[in-house]
């Protein structure tokens, strides 16, 4: 299994880094967790064909996490001429928001049916689903105010915090790798993890990757063994 940081920066692309998103290659193929506006560019920089991705799992509906959707679609429709199904999951409301974004960016294209099956599953906190051959579990993340909902995700042995002010209970149990946000060098806030708080009580996971980094976090974190501060396109093998 390989996990690649398609981007490692925050919503502001601090220090010139792309929006945080993750690409995972495993025995079932390839999937992404989040797909911000810079994700398609990152795939192309890696020399990867976007149509290889069989599933995308959105943690929440902020632009730096789902803003690359219309660019993925326009590439799939007009360049790749994709026909293979694409599995998509996200919090409740994902289907409507993705279609609205597609229509806002490419209105004419959005009026036509996609030339490939789009298999959408909306998840609430506590839901479990078998998606694209993998077990996906949704946890409530501390990031957005109702009716908006943010999720942390457990996908087989991988844990993804998304954006959150605290790591949900149970997310990391038995995980082999945690992909965690770490937006600032100081204390965690109501919506984002900070290194001072996170570093003082790291989850018991063999390996931790940090991304969604602000400029101070990227420059100031001195990680202990087992923790890696990611740059764009960094990858690890499991």
Protein backbone atom coordinates (compact mmCIF):
# COMPACT_ATOMS: atom_id res chain seq x y z
CA UNK A 1 0.00 0.00 0.00
CA UNK A 2 1.20 3.50 -0.80
CA UNK A 3 -0.17 6.75 0.66
CA UNK A 4 0.70 10.00 -1.12
CA UNK A 5 0.03 13.56 -0.04
CA UNK A 6 -1.39 15.21 -3.16
CA UNK A 7 -1.16 18.44 -1.19
CA UNK A 8 0.01 19.34 2.30
CA UNK A 9 -1.14 22.94 2.78
CA UNK A 10 -4.16 24.64 4.28
CA UNK A 11 -6.98 26.53 2.56
CA UNK A 12 -4.61 29.46 1.88
CA UNK A 13 -1.94 27.29 0.18
CA UNK A 14 0.46 28.50 2.87
CA UNK A 15 4.14 28.39 1.92
CA UNK A 16 3.13 27.62 -1.66
CA UNK A 17 1.73 24.18 -0.85
CA UNK A 18 -1.34 22.63 -2.43
CA UNK A 19 -4.61 21.90 -0.67
CA UNK A 20 -4.36 18.80 1.46
CA UNK A 21 -5.64 15.63 -0.20
CA UNK A 22 -4.54 12.02 -0.02
CA UNK A 23 -4.04 9.39 -2.73
CA UNK A 24 -4.00 5.75 -1.67
CA UNK A 25 -2.92 2.83 -3.84
CA UNK A 26 -3.85 -0.59 -2.44
CA UNK A 27 -4.89 -4.06 -3.54
CA UNK A 28 -8.26 -2.76 -4.78
CA UNK A 29 -6.81 0.06 -6.90
CA UNK A 30 -6.61 3.77 -6.10
CA UNK A 31 -8.76 6.15 -4.10
CA UNK A 32 -8.54 9.71 -2.84
CA UNK A 33 -9.55 11.31 0.41
CA UNK A 34 -10.63 14.87 -0.41
CA UNK A 35 -9.93 16.57 -3.72
CA UNK A 36 -9.28 20.29 -3.47
CA UNK A 37 -8.65 22.73 -6.29
CA UNK A 38 -4.96 21.76 -6.61
CA UNK A 39 -5.45 17.97 -6.60
CA UNK A 40 -5.74 17.42 -10.35
CA UNK A 41 -2.52 19.34 -10.91
CA UNK A 42 -0.80 17.18 -8.28
CA UNK A 43 -1.92 14.00 -10.03
CA UNK A 44 -0.53 15.26 -13.31
CA UNK A 45 2.75 16.20 -11.63
CA UNK A 46 2.97 12.62 -10.37
CA UNK A 47 2.40 11.34 -13.90
CA UNK A 48 -0.80 9.64 -12.76
CA UNK A 49 -3.92 9.32 -14.87
CA UNK A 50 -6.90 10.69 -12.89
CA UNK A 51 -9.17 8.03 -14.38
CA UNK A 52 -7.21 5.43 -12.36
CA UNK A 53 -9.00 6.68 -9.24
CA UNK A 54 -11.92 4.40 -8.43
CA UNK A 55 -13.27 6.26 -5.40
CA UNK A 56 -13.16 9.67 -3.72
CA UNK A 57 -14.17 10.14 -0.09
CA UNK A 58 -14.88 13.73 0.96
CA UNK A 59 -14.48 14.59 4.63
CA UNK A 60 -16.45 17.83 4.33
CA UNK A 61 -17.65 20.44 1.89
CA UNK A 62 -15.16 23.29 2.21
CA UNK A 63 -13.58 24.42 -1.03
CA UNK A 64 -10.05 23.29 -0.24
CA UNK A 65 -11.42 19.77 0.25
CA UNK A 66 -13.85 19.41 -2.63
CA UNK A 67 -13.11 22.32 -4.98
CA UNK A 68 -11.25 20.13 -7.49
CA UNK A 69 -14.39 18.18 -8.35
CA UNK A 70 -15.34 20.07 -11.55
CA UNK A 71 -11.78 19.84 -12.87
CA UNK A 72 -11.72 16.10 -12.24
CA UNK A 73 -15.01 15.77 -14.10
CA UNK A 74 -14.04 17.93 -17.07
CA UNK A 75 -10.85 15.90 -17.41
CA UNK A 76 -12.82 12.65 -17.18
CA UNK A 77 -15.44 13.69 -19.73
CA UNK A 78 -13.38 15.47 -22.37
CA UNK A 79 -9.83 14.13 -22.11
CA UNK A 80 -9.97 10.67 -20.58
CA UNK A 81 -13.44 9.82 -21.89
CA UNK A 82 -13.95 7.85 -18.72
CA UNK A 83 -16.38 4.93 -18.73
CA UNK A 84 -15.40 3.16 -15.49
CA UNK A 85 -17.64 3.78 -12.45
CA UNK A 86 -16.56 6.32 -9.85
CA UNK A 87 -17.57 5.78 -6.23
CA UNK A 88 -18.04 8.95 -4.19
CA UNK A 89 -18.84 9.40 -0.53
CA UNK A 90 -19.24 12.43 1.68
CA UNK A 91 -21.45 13.96 4.36
CA UNK A 92 -25.16 14.47 3.84
CA UNK A 93 -25.68 17.05 1.10
CA UNK A 94 -22.64 16.02 -0.91
CA UNK A 95 -24.55 15.06 -4.05
CA UNK A 96 -26.35 18.39 -4.32
CA UNK A 97 -23.21 20.44 -3.63
CA UNK A 98 -21.08 18.53 -6.13
CA UNK A 99 -23.68 19.00 -8.85
CA UNK A 100 -24.03 22.70 -8.03
CA UNK A 101 -20.26 23.18 -8.27
CA UNK A 102 -20.10 21.29 -11.58
CA UNK A 103 -22.89 23.48 -12.95
CA UNK A 104 -21.30 26.70 -11.67
CA UNK A 105 -18.00 25.91 -13.41
CA UNK A 106 -19.18 24.15 -16.59
CA UNK A 107 -22.88 24.86 -17.03
CA UNK A 108 -23.36 23.26 -20.45
CA UNK A 109 -21.50 20.07 -19.54
CA UNK A 110 -23.45 19.78 -16.30
CA UNK A 111 -26.72 19.65 -18.24
CA UNK A 112 -25.69 16.36 -19.84
CA UNK A 113 -25.52 12.96 -18.14
CA UNK A 114 -22.05 11.82 -17.22
CA UNK A 115 -20.72 9.12 -19.58
CA UNK A 116 -19.79 6.89 -16.64
CA UNK A 117 -21.68 5.64 -13.56
CA UNK A 118 -21.36 7.88 -10.52
CA UNK A 119 -22.10 5.84 -7.40
CA UNK A 120 -22.77 8.27 -4.56
CA UNK A 121 -23.12 7.40 -0.88
CA UNK A 122 -23.82 10.11 1.68
CA UNK A 123 -22.66 9.28 5.20
CA UNK A 124 -23.70 10.45 8.62
CA UNK A 125 -21.50 10.13 11.68
CA UNK A 126 -21.66 6.54 12.88
CA UNK A 127 -22.37 5.08 9.44
CA UNK A 128 -20.38 2.20 8.01
CA UNK A 129 -20.37 1.17 4.36
CA UNK A 130 -18.53 -1.15 2.01
CA UNK A 131 -17.39 1.10 -0.81
CA UNK A 132 -15.13 0.08 -3.71
CA UNK A 133 -14.05 -3.00 -1.78
CA UNK A 134 -13.11 -1.12 1.39
CA UNK A 135 -14.79 -0.64 4.75
CA UNK A 136 -15.51 3.04 5.34
CA UNK A 137 -16.56 4.33 8.76
CA UNK A 138 -17.63 7.90 9.42
CA UNK A 139 -16.93 9.80 12.64
CA UNK A 140 -18.18 13.25 13.58
CA UNK A 141 -15.36 15.79 13.27
CA UNK A 142 -15.24 18.98 15.35
CA UNK A 143 -15.15 21.49 12.53
CA UNK A 144 -18.48 22.79 11.23
CA UNK A 145 -21.76 24.04 12.71
CA UNK A 146 -25.09 22.31 11.96
CA UNK A 147 -26.62 21.79 9.51
CA UNK A 148 -23.12 21.53 7.97
CA UNK A 149 -21.26 18.39 9.04
CA UNK A 150 -17.59 17.42 8.82
CA UNK A 151 -16.38 13.84 9.06
CA UNK A 152 -13.26 12.01 10.05
CA UNK A 153 -12.91 8.75 8.15
CA UNK A 154 -11.58 5.30 8.85
CA UNK A 155 -10.95 3.35 5.64
CA UNK A 156 -9.77 -0.17 6.42
CA UNK A 157 -6.53 0.30 8.42
CA UNK A 158 -6.10 3.99 7.53
CA UNK A 159 -7.45 6.89 9.60
CA UNK A 160 -8.06 10.41 8.25
CA UNK A 161 -8.92 13.28 10.56
CA UNK A 162 -10.06 15.72 7.89
CA UNK A 163 -10.33 19.11 9.56
CA UNK A 164 -11.15 18.88 13.24
CA UNK A 165 -10.43 20.48 16.58
CA UNK A 166 -10.03 17.07 18.23
CA UNK A 167 -9.53 13.48 17.10
CA UNK A 168 -12.79 11.52 17.44
CA UNK A 169 -12.83 8.64 19.89
CA UNK A 170 -12.31 5.31 18.15
CA UNK A 171 -10.94 6.72 14.91
CA UNK A 172 -7.40 5.45 15.48
CA UNK A 173 -8.08 2.12 17.22
CA UNK A 174 -6.16 -0.56 15.34
CA UNK A 175 -5.07 1.84 12.61
CA UNK A 176 -1.71 1.38 10.91
CA UNK A 177 -1.49 4.99 9.72
CA UNK A 178 -3.10 8.28 10.71
CA UNK A 179 -3.26 11.12 8.20
CA UNK A 180 -3.85 14.13 10.42
CA UNK A 181 -4.31 17.82 9.91
CA UNK A 182 -2.02 20.12 11.89
CA UNK A 183 -2.90 23.64 10.88
CA UNK A 184 -0.91 25.62 13.41
CA UNK A 185 2.07 25.33 15.72
CA UNK A 186 0.16 26.28 18.86
CA UNK A 187 -2.88 24.88 20.62
CA UNK A 188 -5.79 23.23 18.85
CA UNK A 189 -8.78 25.48 18.21
CA UNK A 190 -12.47 24.71 18.01
CA UNK A 191 -12.01 23.75 14.34
CA UNK A 192 -8.35 22.78 13.76
CA UNK A 193 -5.61 20.72 15.36
CA UNK A 194 -2.47 22.49 16.59
CA UNK A 195 0.89 20.86 17.20
CA UNK A 196 1.25 21.94 20.83
CA UNK A 197 -1.94 20.07 21.71
CA UNK A 198 -1.57 17.17 19.29
CA UNK A 199 2.14 16.59 19.95
CA UNK A 200 1.56 16.39 23.70
CA UNK A 201 -0.85 13.48 23.27
CA UNK A 202 -0.23 11.64 20.04
CA UNK A 203 -2.59 8.75 19.21
CA UNK A 204 -1.13 5.25 19.55
CA UNK A 205 -0.67 4.65 15.83
CA UNK A 206 2.53 3.20 14.34
CA UNK A 207 2.84 5.99 11.81
CA UNK A 208 1.40 9.50 11.55
CA UNK A 209 1.49 11.87 8.58
CA UNK A 210 0.83 15.57 9.20
CA UNK A 211 -0.63 17.87 6.55
CA UNK A 212 -3.06 20.82 6.19
CA UNK A 213 -0.11 22.85 7.43
CA UNK A 214 -0.02 26.57 7.95
CA UNK A 215 3.29 28.33 7.36
CA UNK A 216 4.20 28.39 11.07
CA UNK A 217 3.43 24.69 11.53
CA UNK A 218 5.48 23.60 8.55
CA UNK A 219 8.49 25.56 9.70
CA UNK A 220 8.23 24.91 13.42
CA UNK A 221 7.30 21.26 14.03
CA UNK A 222 10.12 18.98 15.12
CA UNK A 223 8.46 15.57 14.75
CA UNK A 224 9.28 12.59 16.98
CA UNK A 225 9.92 9.12 15.60
CA UNK A 226 6.97 7.76 13.67
CA UNK A 227 5.65 11.22 12.74
CA UNK A 228 6.30 12.78 9.33
CA UNK A 229 5.58 16.38 8.37
CA UNK A 230 4.50 16.09 4.75
CA UNK A 231 5.39 18.17 1.76
CA UNK A 232 3.43 18.02 -1.49
CA UNK A 233 3.78 14.65 -3.27
CA UNK A 234 5.49 12.91 -0.35
CA UNK A 235 4.57 9.23 -0.17
CA UNK A 236 5.01 6.35 2.26
CA UNK A 237 4.82 2.59 1.80
CA UNK A 238 3.00 0.35 4.25
